[in-house]
Amino acid sequence: MLTFAHSPVSSSALVMGGTVVFPGTRVPTQTLPDYLNEGFSVEEFLEFFPSVQRKNAAEFLRLIKD
């Protein structure tokens, strides 16, 4: 069950003007599908953006797939 306390995304007007980001980062969630569409793997994305937690990336991908 997804709750706001355990959400793989975050949004605040104080962080990047409310852009949806991965929690605790300034990495927009849209960056992940953009990288995947360009041929990068999830592993490469996580190497490029080490502040993104693997579990949040995986959960976000599961959510946008559904």
PDB file of N, CA and C in Angstrom:
ATOM      1  N   MET A   1       0.836  -1.182   0.000  1.00  0.00           N
ATOM      2  CA  MET A   1       0.000   0.000   0.000  1.00  0.00           C
ATOM      3  C   MET A   1       0.879   1.244   0.000  1.00  0.00           C
ATOM      4  N   LEU A   2       0.568   2.172  -0.857  1.00  0.00           N
ATOM      5  CA  LEU A   2       1.317   3.413  -0.964  1.00  0.00           C
ATOM      6  C   LEU A   2       0.673   4.474  -0.086  1.00  0.00           C
ATOM      7  N   THR A   3       1.486   5.100   0.753  1.00  0.00           N
ATOM      8  CA  THR A   3       1.016   6.212   1.568  1.00  0.00           C
ATOM      9  C   THR A   3       1.955   7.379   1.345  1.00  0.00           C
ATOM     10  N   PHE A   4       1.524   8.563   1.720  1.00  0.00           N
ATOM     11  CA  PHE A   4       2.387   9.723   1.556  1.00  0.00           C
ATOM     12  C   PHE A   4       3.660   9.589   2.379  1.00  0.00           C
ATOM     13  N   ALA A   5       3.584   8.914   3.516  1.00  0.00           N
ATOM     14  CA  ALA A   5       4.765   8.738   4.352  1.00  0.00           C
ATOM     15  C   ALA A   5       5.788   7.823   3.688  1.00  0.00           C
ATOM     16  N   HIS A   6       5.332   6.963   2.781  1.00  0.00           N
ATOM     17  CA  HIS A   6       6.225   6.015   2.107  1.00  0.00           C
ATOM     18  C   HIS A   6       6.195   6.202   0.602  1.00  0.00           C
ATOM     19  N   SER A   7       5.961   7.389   0.134  1.00  0.00           N
ATOM     20  CA  SER A   7       5.867   7.663  -1.291  1.00  0.00           C
ATOM     21  C   SER A   7       7.258   7.692  -1.929  1.00  0.00           C
ATOM     22  N   PRO A   8       7.383   7.172  -3.161  1.00  0.00           N
ATOM     23  CA  PRO A   8       8.667   7.240  -3.845  1.00  0.00           C
ATOM     24  C   PRO A   8       8.920   8.599  -4.501  1.00  0.00           C
ATOM     25  N   VAL A   9       7.979   9.526  -4.329  1.00  0.00           N
ATOM     26  CA  VAL A   9       8.117  10.868  -4.905  1.00  0.00           C
ATOM     27  C   VAL A   9       7.788  11.911  -3.850  1.00  0.00           C
ATOM     28  N   SER A  10       8.231  13.142  -4.137  1.00  0.00           N
ATOM     29  CA  SER A  10       8.005  14.245  -3.216  1.00  0.00           C
ATOM     30  C   SER A  10       7.774  15.512  -4.032  1.00  0.00           C
ATOM     31  N   SER A  11       7.022  16.433  -3.466  1.00  0.00           N
ATOM     32  CA  SER A  11       6.807  17.713  -4.122  1.00  0.00           C
ATOM     33  C   SER A  11       6.622  18.792  -3.068  1.00  0.00           C
ATOM     34  N   SER A  12       7.360  19.870  -3.230  1.00  0.00           N
ATOM     35  CA  SER A  12       7.268  20.996  -2.313  1.00  0.00           C
ATOM     36  C   SER A  12       7.572  22.262  -3.097  1.00  0.00           C
ATOM     37  N   ALA A  13       6.819  23.298  -2.825  1.00  0.00           N
ATOM     38  CA  ALA A  13       7.065  24.578  -3.481  1.00  0.00           C
ATOM     39  C   ALA A  13       8.468  25.094  -3.176  1.00  0.00           C
ATOM     40  N   LEU A  14       9.054  24.638  -2.087  1.00  0.00           N
ATOM     41  CA  LEU A  14      10.383  25.086  -1.683  1.00  0.00           C
ATOM     42  C   LEU A  14      11.508  24.324  -2.380  1.00  0.00           C
ATOM     43  N   VAL A  15      11.172  23.218  -3.029  1.00  0.00           N
ATOM     44  CA  VAL A  15      12.177  22.412  -3.733  1.00  0.00           C
ATOM     45  C   VAL A  15      11.853  22.428  -5.216  1.00  0.00           C
ATOM     46  N   MET A  16      12.654  23.111  -5.964  1.00  0.00           N
ATOM     47  CA  MET A  16      12.503  23.196  -7.416  1.00  0.00           C
ATOM     48  C   MET A  16      11.111  23.649  -7.833  1.00  0.00           C
ATOM     49  N   GLY A  17      10.550  24.565  -7.061  1.00  0.00           N
ATOM     50  CA  GLY A  17       9.265  25.169  -7.412  1.00  0.00           C
ATOM     51  C   GLY A  17       8.096  24.206  -7.466  1.00  0.00           C
ATOM     52  N   GLY A  18       8.188  23.095  -6.732  1.00  0.00           N
ATOM     53  CA  GLY A  18       7.088  22.136  -6.697  1.00  0.00           C
ATOM     54  C   GLY A  18       7.206  21.006  -7.696  1.00  0.00           C
ATOM     55  N   THR A  19       8.290  20.969  -8.453  1.00  0.00           N
ATOM     56  CA  THR A  19       8.518  19.858  -9.370  1.00  0.00           C
ATOM     57  C   THR A  19       8.531  18.553  -8.580  1.00  0.00           C
ATOM     58  N   VAL A  20       7.952  17.508  -9.131  1.00  0.00           N
ATOM     59  CA  VAL A  20       7.944  16.201  -8.459  1.00  0.00           C
ATOM     60  C   VAL A  20       9.349  15.619  -8.563  1.00  0.00           C
ATOM     61  N   VAL A  21       9.931  15.336  -7.392  1.00  0.00           N
ATOM     62  CA  VAL A  21      11.298  14.833  -7.296  1.00  0.00           C
ATOM     63  C   VAL A  21      11.326  13.558  -6.470  1.00  0.00           C
ATOM     64  N   PHE A  22      12.469  12.874  -6.502  1.00  0.00           N
ATOM     65  CA  PHE A  22      12.663  11.743  -5.600  1.00  0.00           C
ATOM     66  C   PHE A  22      12.912  12.306  -4.206  1.00  0.00           C
ATOM     67  N   PRO A  23      12.339  11.709  -3.163  1.00  0.00           N
ATOM     68  CA  PRO A  23      12.449  12.253  -1.804  1.00  0.00           C
ATOM     69  C   PRO A  23      13.902  12.498  -1.379  1.00  0.00           C
ATOM     70  N   GLY A  24      14.104  13.638  -0.749  1.00  0.00           N
ATOM     71  CA  GLY A  24      15.417  13.982  -0.232  1.00  0.00           C
ATOM     72  C   GLY A  24      16.417  14.405  -1.296  1.00  0.00           C
ATOM     73  N   THR A  25      15.939  14.604  -2.536  1.00  0.00           N
ATOM     74  CA  THR A  25      16.834  14.985  -3.621  1.00  0.00           C
ATOM     75  C   THR A  25      16.252  16.180  -4.366  1.00  0.00           C
ATOM     76  N   ARG A  26      16.997  16.640  -5.345  1.00  0.00           N
ATOM     77  CA  ARG A  26      16.512  17.654  -6.284  1.00  0.00           C
ATOM     78  C   ARG A  26      16.456  17.036  -7.680  1.00  0.00           C
ATOM     79  N   VAL A  27      16.324  15.712  -7.732  1.00  0.00           N
ATOM     80  CA  VAL A  27      16.285  14.984  -9.005  1.00  0.00           C
ATOM     81  C   VAL A  27      14.823  14.800  -9.407  1.00  0.00           C
ATOM     82  N   PRO A  28      14.385  15.456 -10.474  1.00  0.00           N
ATOM     83  CA  PRO A  28      13.002  15.275 -10.925  1.00  0.00           C
ATOM     84  C   PRO A  28      12.734  13.822 -11.308  1.00  0.00           C
ATOM     85  N   THR A  29      11.568  13.328 -10.935  1.00  0.00           N
ATOM     86  CA  THR A  29      11.233  11.937 -11.251  1.00  0.00           C
ATOM     87  C   THR A  29      11.209  11.700 -12.757  1.00  0.00           C
ATOM     88  N   GLN A  30      10.852  12.692 -13.542  1.00  0.00           N
ATOM     89  CA  GLN A  30      10.803  12.539 -14.994  1.00  0.00           C
ATOM     90  C   GLN A  30      12.176  12.215 -15.580  1.00  0.00           C
ATOM     91  N   THR A  31      13.232  12.506 -14.834  1.00  0.00           N
ATOM     92  CA  THR A  31      14.577  12.215 -15.312  1.00  0.00           C
ATOM     93  C   THR A  31      14.777  10.722 -15.526  1.00  0.00           C
ATOM     94  N   LEU A  32      14.200   9.895 -14.670  1.00  0.00           N
ATOM     95  CA  LEU A  32      14.379   8.448 -14.797  1.00  0.00           C
ATOM     96  C   LEU A  32      13.801   7.911 -16.106  1.00  0.00           C
ATOM     97  N   PRO A  33      12.525   8.126 -16.418  1.00  0.00           N
ATOM     98  CA  PRO A  33      12.039   7.628 -17.709  1.00  0.00           C
ATOM     99  C   PRO A  33      12.751   8.268 -18.898  1.00  0.00           C
ATOM    100  N   ASP A  34      13.162   9.516 -18.763  1.00  0.00           N
ATOM    101  CA  ASP A  34      13.916  10.163 -19.841  1.00  0.00           C
ATOM    102  C   ASP A  34      15.221   9.415 -20.105  1.00  0.00           C
ATOM    103  N   TYR A  35      15.941   9.067 -19.051  1.00  0.00           N
ATOM    104  CA  TYR A  35      17.196   8.323 -19.205  1.00  0.00           C
ATOM    105  C   TYR A  35      16.937   6.942 -19.794  1.00  0.00           C
ATOM    106  N   LEU A  36      15.906   6.266 -19.313  1.00  0.00           N
ATOM    107  CA  LEU A  36      15.589   4.935 -19.831  1.00  0.00           C
ATOM    108  C   LEU A  36      15.241   5.002 -21.313  1.00  0.00           C
ATOM    109  N   ASN A  37      14.500   6.017 -21.708  1.00  0.00           N
ATOM    110  CA  ASN A  37      14.137   6.195 -23.120  1.00  0.00           C
ATOM    111  C   ASN A  37      15.357   6.490 -23.990  1.00  0.00           C
ATOM    112  N   GLU A  38      16.404   7.027 -23.388  1.00  0.00           N
ATOM    113  CA  GLU A  38      17.632   7.318 -24.128  1.00  0.00           C
ATOM    114  C   GLU A  38      18.566   6.103 -24.179  1.00  0.00           C
ATOM    115  N   GLY A  39      18.139   4.998 -23.560  1.00  0.00           N
ATOM    116  CA  GLY A  39      18.928   3.772 -23.635  1.00  0.00           C
ATOM    117  C   GLY A  39      19.789   3.474 -22.423  1.00  0.00           C
ATOM    118  N   PHE A  40      19.734   4.325 -21.418  1.00  0.00           N
ATOM    119  CA  PHE A  40      20.489   4.055 -20.190  1.00  0.00           C
ATOM    120  C   PHE A  40      19.725   3.038 -19.349  1.00  0.00           C
ATOM    121  N   SER A  41      20.440   2.320 -18.507  1.00  0.00           N
ATOM    122  CA  SER A  41      19.809   1.352 -17.603  1.00  0.00           C
ATOM    123  C   SER A  41      19.489   2.034 -16.270  1.00  0.00           C
ATOM    124  N   VAL A  42      18.691   1.356 -15.463  1.00  0.00           N
ATOM    125  CA  VAL A  42      18.400   1.865 -14.117  1.00  0.00           C
ATOM    126  C   VAL A  42      19.700   1.951 -13.326  1.00  0.00           C
ATOM    127  N   GLU A  43      20.564   0.969 -13.490  1.00  0.00           N
ATOM    128  CA  GLU A  43      21.854   0.978 -12.789  1.00  0.00           C
ATOM    129  C   GLU A  43      22.659   2.230 -13.151  1.00  0.00           C
ATOM    130  N   GLU A  44      22.701   2.567 -14.424  1.00  0.00           N
ATOM    131  CA  GLU A  44      23.435   3.756 -14.848  1.00  0.00           C
ATOM    132  C   GLU A  44      22.794   5.017 -14.272  1.00  0.00           C
ATOM    133  N   PHE A  45      21.465   5.081 -14.285  1.00  0.00           N
ATOM    134  CA  PHE A  45      20.759   6.222 -13.698  1.00  0.00           C
ATOM    135  C   PHE A  45      21.159   6.396 -12.234  1.00  0.00           C
ATOM    136  N   LEU A  46      21.160   5.293 -11.495  1.00  0.00           N
ATOM    137  CA  LEU A  46      21.502   5.355 -10.075  1.00  0.00           C
ATOM    138  C   LEU A  46      22.961   5.757  -9.862  1.00  0.00           C
ATOM    139  N   GLU A  47      23.835   5.387 -10.786  1.00  0.00           N
ATOM    140  CA  GLU A  47      25.235   5.825 -10.700  1.00  0.00           C
ATOM    141  C   GLU A  47      25.346   7.327 -10.963  1.00  0.00           C
ATOM    142  N   PHE A  48      24.568   7.826 -11.936  1.00  0.00           N
ATOM    143  CA  PHE A  48      24.596   9.254 -12.262  1.00  0.00           C
ATOM    144  C   PHE A  48      23.964  10.098 -11.157  1.00  0.00           C
ATOM    145  N   PHE A  49      22.974   9.528 -10.462  1.00  0.00           N
ATOM    146  CA  PHE A  49      22.237  10.251  -9.421  1.00  0.00           C
ATOM    147  C   PHE A  49      22.260   9.441  -8.117  1.00  0.00           C
ATOM    148  N   PRO A  50      23.403   9.402  -7.447  1.00  0.00           N
ATOM    149  CA  PRO A  50      23.538   8.556  -6.252  1.00  0.00           C
ATOM    150  C   PRO A  50      22.642   8.965  -5.080  1.00  0.00           C
ATOM    151  N   SER A  51      22.069  10.148  -5.124  1.00  0.00           N
ATOM    152  CA  SER A  51      21.172  10.558  -4.038  1.00  0.00           C
ATOM    153  C   SER A  51      19.800   9.879  -4.139  1.00  0.00           C
ATOM    154  N   VAL A  52      19.489   9.303  -5.294  1.00  0.00           N
ATOM    155  CA  VAL A  52      18.202   8.607  -5.474  1.00  0.00           C
ATOM    156  C   VAL A  52      18.332   7.199  -4.914  1.00  0.00           C
ATOM    157  N   GLN A  53      17.407   6.844  -4.036  1.00  0.00           N
ATOM    158  CA  GLN A  53      17.412   5.495  -3.465  1.00  0.00           C
ATOM    159  C   GLN A  53      16.834   4.503  -4.463  1.00  0.00           C
ATOM    160  N   ARG A  54      17.483   3.358  -4.559  1.00  0.00           N
ATOM    161  CA  ARG A  54      17.057   2.306  -5.483  1.00  0.00           C
ATOM    162  C   ARG A  54      15.582   1.950  -5.277  1.00  0.00           C
ATOM    163  N   LYS A  55      15.153   1.821  -4.016  1.00  0.00           N
ATOM    164  CA  LYS A  55      13.761   1.426  -3.745  1.00  0.00           C
ATOM    165  C   LYS A  55      12.780   2.472  -4.279  1.00  0.00           C
ATOM    166  N   ASN A  56      13.137   3.753  -4.209  1.00  0.00           N
ATOM    167  CA  ASN A  56      12.256   4.799  -4.730  1.00  0.00           C
ATOM    168  C   ASN A  56      12.192   4.751  -6.251  1.00  0.00           C
ATOM    169  N   ALA A  57      13.325   4.513  -6.890  1.00  0.00           N
ATOM    170  CA  ALA A  57      13.342   4.403  -8.350  1.00  0.00           C
ATOM    171  C   ALA A  57      12.493   3.216  -8.801  1.00  0.00           C
ATOM    172  N   ALA A  58      12.654   2.078  -8.132  1.00  0.00           N
ATOM    173  CA  ALA A  58      11.896   0.873  -8.493  1.00  0.00           C
ATOM    174  C   ALA A  58      10.401   1.077  -8.283  1.00  0.00           C
ATOM    175  N   GLU A  59      10.026   1.667  -7.162  1.00  0.00           N
ATOM    176  CA  GLU A  59       8.608   1.901  -6.876  1.00  0.00           C
ATOM    177  C   GLU A  59       8.011   2.906  -7.853  1.00  0.00           C
ATOM    178  N   PHE A  60       8.754   3.940  -8.193  1.00  0.00           N
ATOM    179  CA  PHE A  60       8.276   4.920  -9.159  1.00  0.00           C
ATOM    180  C   PHE A  60       8.026   4.253 -10.511  1.00  0.00           C
ATOM    181  N   LEU A  61       8.958   3.425 -10.956  1.00  0.00           N
ATOM    182  CA  LEU A  61       8.773   2.733 -12.229  1.00  0.00           C
ATOM    183  C   LEU A  61       7.562   1.812 -12.184  1.00  0.00           C
ATOM    184  N   ARG A  62       7.349   1.159 -11.047  1.00  0.00           N
ATOM    185  CA  ARG A  62       6.169   0.289 -10.904  1.00  0.00           C
ATOM    186  C   ARG A  62       4.895   1.118 -10.999  1.00  0.00           C
ATOM    187  N   LEU A  63       4.885   2.283 -10.380  1.00  0.00           N
ATOM    188  CA  LEU A  63       3.696   3.130 -10.388  1.00  0.00           C
ATOM    189  C   LEU A  63       3.380   3.655 -11.788  1.00  0.00           C
ATOM    190  N   ILE A  64       4.401   4.080 -12.517  1.00  0.00           N
ATOM    191  CA  ILE A  64       4.112   4.634 -13.847  1.00  0.00           C
ATOM    192  C   ILE A  64       3.804   3.533 -14.847  1.00  0.00           C
ATOM    193  N   LYS A  65       4.197   2.318 -14.555  1.00  0.00           N
ATOM    194  CA  LYS A  65       3.870   1.190 -15.430  1.00  0.00           C
ATOM    195  C   LYS A  65       2.386   0.846 -15.323  1.00  0.00           C
ATOM    196  N   ASP A  66       1.863   0.934 -14.103  1.00  0.00           N
ATOM    197  CA  ASP A  66       0.452   0.612 -13.848  1.00  0.00           C
ATOM    198  C   ASP A  66      -0.384   1.687 -14.396  1.00  0.00           C
TER     199      ASP A  66
END
